[in-house]
Amino acid sequence: ALVAGMELADHYAVTVIRVPDRPAGDRDLENEIEALVKRYGVP
């Protein structure tokens, strides 16, 4: 948490987002996840 600059919480809600089909050549998933993490500050 120190490495990522996030403050640990005592409780977390778990959300699983299922993506059943993602063709090769689609937009860079890693960049999308990184943008999401930076915006919301969540693991």
PDB file of all heavy atoms in Angstrom:
ATOM      1  N   ALA A   1       0.834  -1.196   0.000  1.00  0.00           N
ATOM      2  CA  ALA A   1       0.000   0.000   0.000  1.00  0.00           C
ATOM      3  C   ALA A   1       0.869   1.247   0.000  1.00  0.00           C
ATOM      4  O   ALA A   1       0.537   2.255  -0.651  1.00  0.00           O
ATOM      5  CB  ALA A   1      -0.925   0.001   1.217  1.00  0.00           C
ATOM      6  N   LEU A   2       1.990   1.194   0.702  1.00  0.00           N
ATOM      7  CA  LEU A   2       2.934   2.324   0.690  1.00  0.00           C
ATOM      8  C   LEU A   2       3.525   2.510  -0.702  1.00  0.00           C
ATOM      9  O   LEU A   2       3.688   3.633  -1.177  1.00  0.00           O
ATOM     10  CB  LEU A   2       4.060   2.078   1.707  1.00  0.00           C
ATOM     11  CG  LEU A   2       3.683   2.108   3.180  1.00  0.00           C
ATOM     12  CD1 LEU A   2       4.896   1.746   4.043  1.00  0.00           C
ATOM     13  CD2 LEU A   2       3.162   3.492   3.562  1.00  0.00           C
ATOM     14  N   VAL A   3       3.852   1.391  -1.351  1.00  0.00           N
ATOM     15  CA  VAL A   3       4.410   1.468  -2.704  1.00  0.00           C
ATOM     16  C   VAL A   3       3.416   2.146  -3.642  1.00  0.00           C
ATOM     17  O   VAL A   3       3.775   3.031  -4.418  1.00  0.00           O
ATOM     18  CB  VAL A   3       4.750   0.047  -3.229  1.00  0.00           C
ATOM     19  CG1 VAL A   3       5.177   0.117  -4.690  1.00  0.00           C
ATOM     20  CG2 VAL A   3       5.853  -0.581  -2.394  1.00  0.00           C
ATOM     21  N   ALA A   4       2.151   1.749  -3.548  1.00  0.00           N
ATOM     22  CA  ALA A   4       1.130   2.277  -4.447  1.00  0.00           C
ATOM     23  C   ALA A   4       0.567   3.619  -3.985  1.00  0.00           C
ATOM     24  O   ALA A   4      -0.232   4.234  -4.701  1.00  0.00           O
ATOM     25  CB  ALA A   4      -0.011   1.272  -4.584  1.00  0.00           C
ATOM     26  N   GLY A   5       0.946   4.063  -2.804  1.00  0.00           N
ATOM     27  CA  GLY A   5       0.422   5.326  -2.283  1.00  0.00           C
ATOM     28  C   GLY A   5      -1.047   5.247  -1.920  1.00  0.00           C
ATOM     29  O   GLY A   5      -1.778   6.236  -2.034  1.00  0.00           O
ATOM     30  N   MET A   6      -1.510   4.065  -1.500  1.00  0.00           N
ATOM     31  CA  MET A   6      -2.906   3.878  -1.111  1.00  0.00           C
ATOM     32  C   MET A   6      -2.988   3.612   0.392  1.00  0.00           C
ATOM     33  O   MET A   6      -2.140   2.922   0.948  1.00  0.00           O
ATOM     34  CB  MET A   6      -3.539   2.702  -1.861  1.00  0.00           C
ATOM     35  CG  MET A   6      -3.605   2.873  -3.366  1.00  0.00           C
ATOM     36  SD  MET A   6      -4.383   1.417  -4.140  1.00  0.00           S
ATOM     37  CE  MET A   6      -4.120   1.791  -5.875  1.00  0.00           C
ATOM     38  N   GLU A   7      -4.020   4.127   1.008  1.00  0.00           N
ATOM     39  CA  GLU A   7      -4.236   3.883   2.430  1.00  0.00           C
ATOM     40  C   GLU A   7      -5.097   2.635   2.592  1.00  0.00           C
ATOM     41  O   GLU A   7      -6.158   2.509   1.993  1.00  0.00           O
ATOM     42  CB  GLU A   7      -4.935   5.086   3.063  1.00  0.00           C
ATOM     43  CG  GLU A   7      -5.105   4.967   4.566  1.00  0.00           C
ATOM     44  CD  GLU A   7      -5.689   6.230   5.182  1.00  0.00           C
ATOM     45  OE1 GLU A   7      -5.700   7.274   4.494  1.00  0.00           O
ATOM     46  OE2 GLU A   7      -6.144   6.162   6.340  1.00  0.00           O
ATOM     47  N   LEU A   8      -4.621   1.702   3.412  1.00  0.00           N
ATOM     48  CA  LEU A   8      -5.374   0.467   3.606  1.00  0.00           C
ATOM     49  C   LEU A   8      -6.644   0.732   4.403  1.00  0.00           C
ATOM     50  O   LEU A   8      -6.657   1.514   5.356  1.00  0.00           O
ATOM     51  CB  LEU A   8      -4.529  -0.564   4.352  1.00  0.00           C
ATOM     52  CG  LEU A   8      -3.454  -1.300   3.547  1.00  0.00           C
ATOM     53  CD1 LEU A   8      -2.797  -2.370   4.409  1.00  0.00           C
ATOM     54  CD2 LEU A   8      -4.048  -1.925   2.302  1.00  0.00           C
ATOM     55  N   ALA A   9      -7.720   0.065   4.006  1.00  0.00           N
ATOM     56  CA  ALA A   9      -8.993   0.168   4.718  1.00  0.00           C
ATOM     57  C   ALA A   9      -9.213  -1.104   5.546  1.00  0.00           C
ATOM     58  O   ALA A   9      -8.580  -2.132   5.316  1.00  0.00           O
ATOM     59  CB  ALA A   9     -10.141   0.345   3.731  1.00  0.00           C
ATOM     60  N   ASP A  10     -10.110  -1.017   6.510  1.00  0.00           N
ATOM     61  CA  ASP A  10     -10.441  -2.190   7.318  1.00  0.00           C
ATOM     62  C   ASP A  10     -11.420  -3.110   6.601  1.00  0.00           C
ATOM     63  O   ASP A  10     -11.484  -4.305   6.892  1.00  0.00           O
ATOM     64  CB  ASP A  10     -11.052  -1.757   8.657  1.00  0.00           C
ATOM     65  CG  ASP A  10     -10.055  -1.016   9.531  1.00  0.00           C
ATOM     66  OD1 ASP A  10      -8.857  -1.342   9.455  1.00  0.00           O
ATOM     67  OD2 ASP A  10     -10.469  -0.110  10.279  1.00  0.00           O
ATOM     68  N   HIS A  11     -12.217  -2.535   5.690  1.00  0.00           N
ATOM     69  CA  HIS A  11     -13.221  -3.296   4.957  1.00  0.00           C
ATOM     70  C   HIS A  11     -13.143  -2.952   3.467  1.00  0.00           C
ATOM     71  O   HIS A  11     -12.897  -1.800   3.105  1.00  0.00           O
ATOM     72  CB  HIS A  11     -14.636  -2.992   5.453  1.00  0.00           C
ATOM     73  CG  HIS A  11     -14.904  -3.456   6.855  1.00  0.00           C
ATOM     74  ND1 HIS A  11     -14.386  -2.809   7.959  1.00  0.00           N
ATOM     75  CD2 HIS A  11     -15.635  -4.506   7.313  1.00  0.00           C
ATOM     76  CE1 HIS A  11     -14.790  -3.449   9.060  1.00  0.00           C
ATOM     77  NE2 HIS A  11     -15.545  -4.465   8.692  1.00  0.00           N
ATOM     78  N   TYR A  12     -13.370  -3.965   2.629  1.00  0.00           N
ATOM     79  CA  TYR A  12     -13.411  -3.754   1.183  1.00  0.00           C
ATOM     80  C   TYR A  12     -14.616  -4.488   0.597  1.00  0.00           C
ATOM     81  O   TYR A  12     -14.966  -5.591   1.037  1.00  0.00           O
ATOM     82  CB  TYR A  12     -12.152  -4.304   0.507  1.00  0.00           C
ATOM     83  CG  TYR A  12     -10.916  -3.462   0.687  1.00  0.00           C
ATOM     84  CD1 TYR A  12     -10.041  -3.705   1.736  1.00  0.00           C
ATOM     85  CD2 TYR A  12     -10.628  -2.428  -0.200  1.00  0.00           C
ATOM     86  CE1 TYR A  12      -8.900  -2.938   1.903  1.00  0.00           C
ATOM     87  CE2 TYR A  12      -9.480  -1.659  -0.046  1.00  0.00           C
ATOM     88  CZ  TYR A  12      -8.627  -1.912   1.011  1.00  0.00           C
ATOM     89  OH  TYR A  12      -7.496  -1.153   1.175  1.00  0.00           O
ATOM     90  N   ALA A  13     -15.226  -3.854  -0.392  1.00  0.00           N
ATOM     91  CA  ALA A  13     -16.227  -4.534  -1.214  1.00  0.00           C
ATOM     92  C   ALA A  13     -15.497  -5.109  -2.427  1.00  0.00           C
ATOM     93  O   ALA A  13     -14.620  -4.459  -2.994  1.00  0.00           O
ATOM     94  CB  ALA A  13     -17.307  -3.559  -1.666  1.00  0.00           C
ATOM     95  N   VAL A  14     -15.846  -6.319  -2.798  1.00  0.00           N
ATOM     96  CA  VAL A  14     -15.203  -6.976  -3.939  1.00  0.00           C
ATOM     97  C   VAL A  14     -16.133  -6.898  -5.146  1.00  0.00           C
ATOM     98  O   VAL A  14     -17.307  -7.268  -5.066  1.00  0.00           O
ATOM     99  CB  VAL A  14     -14.890  -8.451  -3.636  1.00  0.00           C
ATOM    100  CG1 VAL A  14     -14.204  -9.108  -4.836  1.00  0.00           C
ATOM    101  CG2 VAL A  14     -14.006  -8.566  -2.397  1.00  0.00           C
ATOM    102  N   THR A  15     -15.606  -6.390  -6.249  1.00  0.00           N
ATOM    103  CA  THR A  15     -16.348  -6.344  -7.509  1.00  0.00           C
ATOM    104  C   THR A  15     -15.565  -7.103  -8.570  1.00  0.00           C
ATOM    105  O   THR A  15     -14.360  -6.874  -8.736  1.00  0.00           O
ATOM    106  CB  THR A  15     -16.577  -4.895  -7.975  1.00  0.00           C
ATOM    107  OG1 THR A  15     -17.437  -4.229  -7.050  1.00  0.00           O
ATOM    108  CG2 THR A  15     -17.225  -4.852  -9.357  1.00  0.00           C
ATOM    109  N   VAL A  16     -16.233  -8.005  -9.257  1.00  0.00           N
ATOM    110  CA  VAL A  16     -15.618  -8.750 -10.356  1.00  0.00           C
ATOM    111  C   VAL A  16     -16.332  -8.353 -11.645  1.00  0.00           C
ATOM    112  O   VAL A  16     -17.541  -8.552 -11.778  1.00  0.00           O
ATOM    113  CB  VAL A  16     -15.723 -10.271 -10.146  1.00  0.00           C
ATOM    114  CG1 VAL A  16     -15.200 -11.017 -11.373  1.00  0.00           C
ATOM    115  CG2 VAL A  16     -14.939 -10.688  -8.907  1.00  0.00           C
ATOM    116  N   ILE A  17     -15.588  -7.762 -12.573  1.00  0.00           N
ATOM    117  CA  ILE A  17     -16.137  -7.356 -13.870  1.00  0.00           C
ATOM    118  C   ILE A  17     -15.723  -8.396 -14.900  1.00  0.00           C
ATOM    119  O   ILE A  17     -14.539  -8.535 -15.211  1.00  0.00           O
ATOM    120  CB  ILE A  17     -15.634  -5.961 -14.273  1.00  0.00           C
ATOM    121  CG1 ILE A  17     -15.944  -4.932 -13.177  1.00  0.00           C
ATOM    122  CG2 ILE A  17     -16.257  -5.530 -15.597  1.00  0.00           C
ATOM    123  CD1 ILE A  17     -15.356  -3.555 -13.435  1.00  0.00           C
ATOM    124  N   ARG A  18     -16.702  -9.107 -15.419  1.00  0.00           N
ATOM    125  CA  ARG A  18     -16.437 -10.209 -16.357  1.00  0.00           C
ATOM    126  C   ARG A  18     -16.477  -9.704 -17.795  1.00  0.00           C
ATOM    127  O   ARG A  18     -17.431  -9.055 -18.209  1.00  0.00           O
ATOM    128  CB  ARG A  18     -17.482 -11.314 -16.163  1.00  0.00           C
ATOM    129  CG  ARG A  18     -17.350 -12.504 -17.091  1.00  0.00           C
ATOM    130  CD  ARG A  18     -18.299 -13.617 -16.672  1.00  0.00           C
ATOM    131  NE  ARG A  18     -19.689 -13.180 -16.692  1.00  0.00           N
ATOM    132  CZ  ARG A  18     -20.495 -13.317 -17.735  1.00  0.00           C
ATOM    133  NH1 ARG A  18     -20.036 -13.834 -18.865  1.00  0.00           N
ATOM    134  NH2 ARG A  18     -21.758 -12.932 -17.673  1.00  0.00           N
ATOM    135  N   VAL A  19     -15.416 -10.000 -18.535  1.00  0.00           N
ATOM    136  CA  VAL A  19     -15.323  -9.645 -19.954  1.00  0.00           C
ATOM    137  C   VAL A  19     -15.131 -10.953 -20.721  1.00  0.00           C
ATOM    138  O   VAL A  19     -14.020 -11.465 -20.805  1.00  0.00           O
ATOM    139  CB  VAL A  19     -14.147  -8.683 -20.215  1.00  0.00           C
ATOM    140  CG1 VAL A  19     -14.134  -8.239 -21.670  1.00  0.00           C
ATOM    141  CG2 VAL A  19     -14.191  -7.490 -19.285  1.00  0.00           C
ATOM    142  N   PRO A  20     -16.207 -11.537 -21.263  1.00  0.00           N
ATOM    143  CA  PRO A  20     -16.094 -12.864 -21.868  1.00  0.00           C
ATOM    144  C   PRO A  20     -15.396 -12.898 -23.215  1.00  0.00           C
ATOM    145  O   PRO A  20     -14.924 -13.939 -23.641  1.00  0.00           O
ATOM    146  CB  PRO A  20     -17.553 -13.307 -22.004  1.00  0.00           C
ATOM    147  CG  PRO A  20     -18.310 -12.030 -22.135  1.00  0.00           C
ATOM    148  CD  PRO A  20     -17.583 -11.027 -21.290  1.00  0.00           C
ATOM    149  N   ASP A  21     -15.319 -11.776 -23.903  1.00  0.00           N
ATOM    150  CA  ASP A  21     -14.757 -11.799 -25.256  1.00  0.00           C
ATOM    151  C   ASP A  21     -13.999 -10.508 -25.501  1.00  0.00           C
ATOM    152  O   ASP A  21     -14.561  -9.416 -25.413  1.00  0.00           O
ATOM    153  CB  ASP A  21     -15.867 -11.963 -26.299  1.00  0.00           C
ATOM    154  CG  ASP A  21     -15.309 -11.980 -27.718  1.00  0.00           C
ATOM    155  OD1 ASP A  21     -14.174 -12.452 -27.888  1.00  0.00           O
ATOM    156  OD2 ASP A  21     -16.003 -11.514 -28.623  1.00  0.00           O
ATOM    157  N   ARG A  22     -12.714 -10.648 -25.793  1.00  0.00           N
ATOM    158  CA  ARG A  22     -11.901  -9.475 -26.086  1.00  0.00           C
ATOM    159  C   ARG A  22     -10.945  -9.840 -27.218  1.00  0.00           C
ATOM    160  O   ARG A  22      -9.892 -10.433 -26.980  1.00  0.00           O
ATOM    161  CB  ARG A  22     -11.124  -9.034 -24.851  1.00  0.00           C
ATOM    162  CG  ARG A  22     -10.383  -7.726 -25.085  1.00  0.00           C
ATOM    163  CD  ARG A  22      -9.663  -7.266 -23.816  1.00  0.00           C
ATOM    164  NE  ARG A  22      -8.938  -6.043 -24.074  1.00  0.00           N
ATOM    165  CZ  ARG A  22      -9.485  -4.843 -24.107  1.00  0.00           C
ATOM    166  NH1 ARG A  22     -10.772  -4.726 -23.907  1.00  0.00           N
ATOM    167  NH2 ARG A  22      -8.768  -3.772 -24.359  1.00  0.00           N
ATOM    168  N   PRO A  23     -11.289  -9.515 -28.466  1.00  0.00           N
ATOM    169  CA  PRO A  23     -10.455  -9.928 -29.599  1.00  0.00           C
ATOM    170  C   PRO A  23      -9.050  -9.341 -29.533  1.00  0.00           C
ATOM    171  O   PRO A  23      -8.830  -8.250 -28.991  1.00  0.00           O
ATOM    172  CB  PRO A  23     -11.209  -9.376 -30.811  1.00  0.00           C
ATOM    173  CG  PRO A  23     -12.600  -9.107 -30.321  1.00  0.00           C
ATOM    174  CD  PRO A  23     -12.468  -8.765 -28.879  1.00  0.00           C
ATOM    175  N   ALA A  24      -8.093 -10.079 -30.080  1.00  0.00           N
ATOM    176  CA  ALA A  24      -6.733  -9.565 -30.193  1.00  0.00           C
ATOM    177  C   ALA A  24      -6.744  -8.291 -31.032  1.00  0.00           C
ATOM    178  O   ALA A  24      -7.501  -8.174 -31.990  1.00  0.00           O
ATOM    179  CB  ALA A  24      -5.826 -10.617 -30.833  1.00  0.00           C
ATOM    180  N   GLY A  25      -5.908  -7.338 -30.666  1.00  0.00           N
ATOM    181  CA  GLY A  25      -5.847  -6.082 -31.400  1.00  0.00           C
ATOM    182  C   GLY A  25      -6.763  -5.019 -30.832  1.00  0.00           C
ATOM    183  O   GLY A  25      -6.788  -3.892 -31.319  1.00  0.00           O
ATOM    184  N   ASP A  26      -7.562  -5.379 -29.798  1.00  0.00           N
ATOM    185  CA  ASP A  26      -8.415  -4.393 -29.148  1.00  0.00           C
ATOM    186  C   ASP A  26      -7.531  -3.402 -28.393  1.00  0.00           C
ATOM    187  O   ASP A  26      -6.322  -3.599 -28.257  1.00  0.00           O
ATOM    188  CB  ASP A  26      -9.378  -5.098 -28.188  1.00  0.00           C
ATOM    189  CG  ASP A  26     -10.636  -4.284 -27.955  1.00  0.00           C
ATOM    190  OD1 ASP A  26     -10.677  -3.134 -28.404  1.00  0.00           O
ATOM    191  OD2 ASP A  26     -11.561  -4.813 -27.311  1.00  0.00           O
ATOM    192  N   ARG A  27      -8.140  -2.346 -27.855  1.00  0.00           N
ATOM    193  CA  ARG A  27      -7.362  -1.329 -27.160  1.00  0.00           C
ATOM    194  C   ARG A  27      -6.591  -1.909 -25.980  1.00  0.00           C
ATOM    195  O   ARG A  27      -6.972  -2.911 -25.404  1.00  0.00           O
ATOM    196  CB  ARG A  27      -8.288  -0.200 -26.695  1.00  0.00           C
ATOM    197  CG  ARG A  27      -8.675   0.761 -27.804  1.00  0.00           C
ATOM    198  CD  ARG A  27      -9.724   1.748 -27.340  1.00  0.00           C
ATOM    199  NE  ARG A  27     -11.010   1.082 -27.132  1.00  0.00           N
ATOM    200  CZ  ARG A  27     -12.106   1.719 -26.728  1.00  0.00           C
ATOM    201  NH1 ARG A  27     -12.065   3.008 -26.467  1.00  0.00           N
ATOM    202  NH2 ARG A  27     -13.242   1.064 -26.582  1.00  0.00           N
ATOM    203  N   ASP A  28      -5.534  -1.222 -25.608  1.00  0.00           N
ATOM    204  CA  ASP A  28      -4.623  -1.727 -24.589  1.00  0.00           C
ATOM    205  C   ASP A  28      -5.332  -1.819 -23.246  1.00  0.00           C
ATOM    206  O   ASP A  28      -5.632  -0.814 -22.607  1.00  0.00           O
ATOM    207  CB  ASP A  28      -3.413  -0.793 -24.498  1.00  0.00           C
ATOM    208  CG  ASP A  28      -2.342  -1.365 -23.587  1.00  0.00           C
ATOM    209  OD1 ASP A  28      -2.536  -2.452 -23.019  1.00  0.00           O
ATOM    210  OD2 ASP A  28      -1.308  -0.701 -23.438  1.00  0.00           O
ATOM    211  N   LEU A  29      -5.572  -3.031 -22.799  1.00  0.00           N
ATOM    212  CA  LEU A  29      -6.292  -3.254 -21.553  1.00  0.00           C
ATOM    213  C   LEU A  29      -5.516  -2.717 -20.358  1.00  0.00           C
ATOM    214  O   LEU A  29      -6.090  -2.138 -19.432  1.00  0.00           O
ATOM    215  CB  LEU A  29      -6.555  -4.753 -21.384  1.00  0.00           C
ATOM    216  CG  LEU A  29      -7.270  -5.174 -20.096  1.00  0.00           C
ATOM    217  CD1 LEU A  29      -8.679  -4.611 -20.076  1.00  0.00           C
ATOM    218  CD2 LEU A  29      -7.309  -6.691 -19.981  1.00  0.00           C
ATOM    219  N   GLU A  30      -4.211  -2.895 -20.374  1.00  0.00           N
ATOM    220  CA  GLU A  30      -3.404  -2.438 -19.242  1.00  0.00           C
ATOM    221  C   GLU A  30      -3.543  -0.936 -19.039  1.00  0.00           C
ATOM    222  O   GLU A  30      -3.649  -0.454 -17.908  1.00  0.00           O
ATOM    223  CB  GLU A  30      -1.938  -2.810 -19.460  1.00  0.00           C
ATOM    224  CG  GLU A  30      -1.046  -2.465 -18.274  1.00  0.00           C
ATOM    225  CD  GLU A  30       0.357  -2.994 -18.434  1.00  0.00           C
ATOM    226  OE1 GLU A  30       0.509  -4.237 -18.553  1.00  0.00           O
ATOM    227  OE2 GLU A  30       1.297  -2.179 -18.442  1.00  0.00           O
ATOM    228  N   ASN A  31      -3.555  -0.178 -20.135  1.00  0.00           N
ATOM    229  CA  ASN A  31      -3.710   1.272 -20.020  1.00  0.00           C
ATOM    230  C   ASN A  31      -5.079   1.639 -19.461  1.00  0.00           C
ATOM    231  O   ASN A  31      -5.215   2.592 -18.676  1.00  0.00           O
ATOM    232  CB  ASN A  31      -3.518   1.934 -21.384  1.00  0.00           C
ATOM    233  CG  ASN A  31      -2.071   1.901 -21.839  1.00  0.00           C
ATOM    234  OD1 ASN A  31      -1.169   1.726 -21.022  1.00  0.00           O
ATOM    235  ND2 ASN A  31      -1.851   2.044 -23.135  1.00  0.00           N
ATOM    236  N   GLU A  32      -6.099   0.893 -19.873  1.00  0.00           N
ATOM    237  CA  GLU A  32      -7.446   1.173 -19.376  1.00  0.00           C
ATOM    238  C   GLU A  32      -7.544   0.913 -17.871  1.00  0.00           C
ATOM    239  O   GLU A  32      -8.134   1.693 -17.127  1.00  0.00           O
ATOM    240  CB  GLU A  32      -8.460   0.299 -20.126  1.00  0.00           C
ATOM    241  CG  GLU A  32      -8.564   0.655 -21.606  1.00  0.00           C
ATOM    242  CD  GLU A  32      -9.202  -0.462 -22.421  1.00  0.00           C
ATOM    243  OE1 GLU A  32      -9.653  -1.445 -21.805  1.00  0.00           O
ATOM    244  OE2 GLU A  32      -9.242  -0.353 -23.658  1.00  0.00           O
ATOM    245  N   ILE A  33      -6.941  -0.194 -17.444  1.00  0.00           N
ATOM    246  CA  ILE A  33      -6.968  -0.516 -16.019  1.00  0.00           C
ATOM    247  C   ILE A  33      -6.151   0.493 -15.229  1.00  0.00           C
ATOM    248  O   ILE A  33      -6.554   0.941 -14.148  1.00  0.00           O
ATOM    249  CB  ILE A  33      -6.446  -1.946 -15.781  1.00  0.00           C
ATOM    250  CG1 ILE A  33      -7.377  -2.955 -16.453  1.00  0.00           C
ATOM    251  CG2 ILE A  33      -6.321  -2.237 -14.297  1.00  0.00           C
ATOM    252  CD1 ILE A  33      -6.879  -4.392 -16.387  1.00  0.00           C
ATOM    253  N   GLU A  34      -4.996   0.887 -15.761  1.00  0.00           N
ATOM    254  CA  GLU A  34      -4.162   1.864 -15.055  1.00  0.00           C
ATOM    255  C   GLU A  34      -4.893   3.189 -14.892  1.00  0.00           C
ATOM    256  O   GLU A  34      -4.848   3.811 -13.824  1.00  0.00           O
ATOM    257  CB  GLU A  34      -2.839   2.065 -15.794  1.00  0.00           C
ATOM    258  CG  GLU A  34      -1.902   3.020 -15.063  1.00  0.00           C
ATOM    259  CD  GLU A  34      -0.480   2.944 -15.582  1.00  0.00           C
ATOM    260  OE1 GLU A  34      -0.270   2.372 -16.670  1.00  0.00           O
ATOM    261  OE2 GLU A  34       0.407   3.466 -14.899  1.00  0.00           O
ATOM    262  N   ALA A  35      -5.584   3.632 -15.942  1.00  0.00           N
ATOM    263  CA  ALA A  35      -6.340   4.881 -15.858  1.00  0.00           C
ATOM    264  C   ALA A  35      -7.430   4.769 -14.799  1.00  0.00           C
ATOM    265  O   ALA A  35      -7.682   5.710 -14.024  1.00  0.00           O
ATOM    266  CB  ALA A  35      -6.947   5.224 -17.218  1.00  0.00           C
ATOM    267  N   LEU A  36      -8.069   3.606 -14.746  1.00  0.00           N
ATOM    268  CA  LEU A  36      -9.129   3.377 -13.763  1.00  0.00           C
ATOM    269  C   LEU A  36      -8.564   3.415 -12.339  1.00  0.00           C
ATOM    270  O   LEU A  36      -9.131   4.051 -11.443  1.00  0.00           O
ATOM    271  CB  LEU A  36      -9.786   2.025 -14.034  1.00  0.00           C
ATOM    272  CG  LEU A  36     -11.062   1.713 -13.252  1.00  0.00           C
ATOM    273  CD1 LEU A  36     -12.242   2.439 -13.883  1.00  0.00           C
ATOM    274  CD2 LEU A  36     -11.318   0.207 -13.236  1.00  0.00           C
ATOM    275  N   VAL A  37      -7.447   2.736 -12.140  1.00  0.00           N
ATOM    276  CA  VAL A  37      -6.836   2.666 -10.814  1.00  0.00           C
ATOM    277  C   VAL A  37      -6.381   4.054 -10.364  1.00  0.00           C
ATOM    278  O   VAL A  37      -6.569   4.440  -9.200  1.00  0.00           O
ATOM    279  CB  VAL A  37      -5.648   1.680 -10.828  1.00  0.00           C
ATOM    280  CG1 VAL A  37      -4.836   1.794  -9.542  1.00  0.00           C
ATOM    281  CG2 VAL A  37      -6.147   0.254 -11.002  1.00  0.00           C
ATOM    282  N   LYS A  38      -5.793   4.813 -11.261  1.00  0.00           N
ATOM    283  CA  LYS A  38      -5.326   6.151 -10.898  1.00  0.00           C
ATOM    284  C   LYS A  38      -6.493   7.075 -10.568  1.00  0.00           C
ATOM    285  O   LYS A  38      -6.403   7.909  -9.652  1.00  0.00           O
ATOM    286  CB  LYS A  38      -4.495   6.743 -12.044  1.00  0.00           C
ATOM    287  CG  LYS A  38      -3.109   6.128 -12.173  1.00  0.00           C
ATOM    288  CD  LYS A  38      -2.331   6.783 -13.289  1.00  0.00           C
ATOM    289  CE  LYS A  38      -0.904   6.245 -13.353  1.00  0.00           C
ATOM    290  NZ  LYS A  38      -0.126   6.857 -14.460  1.00  0.00           N
ATOM    291  N   ARG A  39      -7.576   6.929 -11.311  1.00  0.00           N
ATOM    292  CA  ARG A  39      -8.723   7.811 -11.069  1.00  0.00           C
ATOM    293  C   ARG A  39      -9.398   7.512  -9.742  1.00  0.00           C
ATOM    294  O   ARG A  39      -9.763   8.428  -8.999  1.00  0.00           O
ATOM    295  CB  ARG A  39      -9.729   7.682 -12.207  1.00  0.00           C
ATOM    296  CG  ARG A  39     -10.991   8.522 -11.971  1.00  0.00           C
ATOM    297  CD  ARG A  39     -11.904   8.551 -13.165  1.00  0.00           C
ATOM    298  NE  ARG A  39     -13.061   9.391 -12.931  1.00  0.00           N
ATOM    299  CZ  ARG A  39     -14.034   9.589 -13.797  1.00  0.00           C
ATOM    300  NH1 ARG A  39     -13.961   9.010 -14.991  1.00  0.00           N
ATOM    301  NH2 ARG A  39     -15.055  10.357 -13.509  1.00  0.00           N
ATOM    302  N   TYR A  40      -9.558   6.220  -9.433  1.00  0.00           N
ATOM    303  CA  TYR A  40     -10.319   5.852  -8.240  1.00  0.00           C
ATOM    304  C   TYR A  40      -9.439   5.474  -7.048  1.00  0.00           C
ATOM    305  O   TYR A  40      -9.945   5.361  -5.921  1.00  0.00           O
ATOM    306  CB  TYR A  40     -11.267   4.699  -8.563  1.00  0.00           C
ATOM    307  CG  TYR A  40     -12.415   5.125  -9.460  1.00  0.00           C
ATOM    308  CD1 TYR A  40     -12.355   4.967 -10.842  1.00  0.00           C
ATOM    309  CD2 TYR A  40     -13.548   5.716  -8.923  1.00  0.00           C
ATOM    310  CE1 TYR A  40     -13.395   5.365 -11.661  1.00  0.00           C
ATOM    311  CE2 TYR A  40     -14.599   6.119  -9.742  1.00  0.00           C
ATOM    312  CZ  TYR A  40     -14.516   5.938 -11.103  1.00  0.00           C
ATOM    313  OH  TYR A  40     -15.562   6.351 -11.906  1.00  0.00           O
ATOM    314  N   GLY A  41      -8.143   5.257  -7.267  1.00  0.00           N
ATOM    315  CA  GLY A  41      -7.242   4.937  -6.163  1.00  0.00           C
ATOM    316  C   GLY A  41      -7.596   3.652  -5.447  1.00  0.00           C
ATOM    317  O   GLY A  41      -7.608   3.605  -4.212  1.00  0.00           O
ATOM    318  N   VAL A  42      -7.887   2.583  -6.212  1.00  0.00           N
ATOM    319  CA  VAL A  42      -8.294   1.314  -5.613  1.00  0.00           C
ATOM    320  C   VAL A  42      -7.397   0.180  -6.118  1.00  0.00           C
ATOM    321  O   VAL A  42      -6.910   0.221  -7.242  1.00  0.00           O
ATOM    322  CB  VAL A  42      -9.765   0.984  -5.945  1.00  0.00           C
ATOM    323  CG1 VAL A  42     -10.697   1.977  -5.264  1.00  0.00           C
ATOM    324  CG2 VAL A  42     -10.003   0.972  -7.457  1.00  0.00           C
ATOM    325  N   PRO A  43      -7.186  -0.843  -5.290  1.00  0.00           N
ATOM    326  CA  PRO A  43      -6.446  -2.022  -5.755  1.00  0.00           C
ATOM    327  C   PRO A  43      -7.272  -2.778  -6.785  1.00  0.00           C
ATOM    328  O   PRO A  43      -8.479  -2.963  -6.610  1.00  0.00           O
ATOM    329  CB  PRO A  43      -6.264  -2.857  -4.473  1.00  0.00           C
ATOM    330  CG  PRO A  43      -6.538  -1.923  -3.334  1.00  0.00           C
ATOM    331  CD  PRO A  43      -7.527  -0.934  -3.857  1.00  0.00           C
TER     332      PRO A  43
END
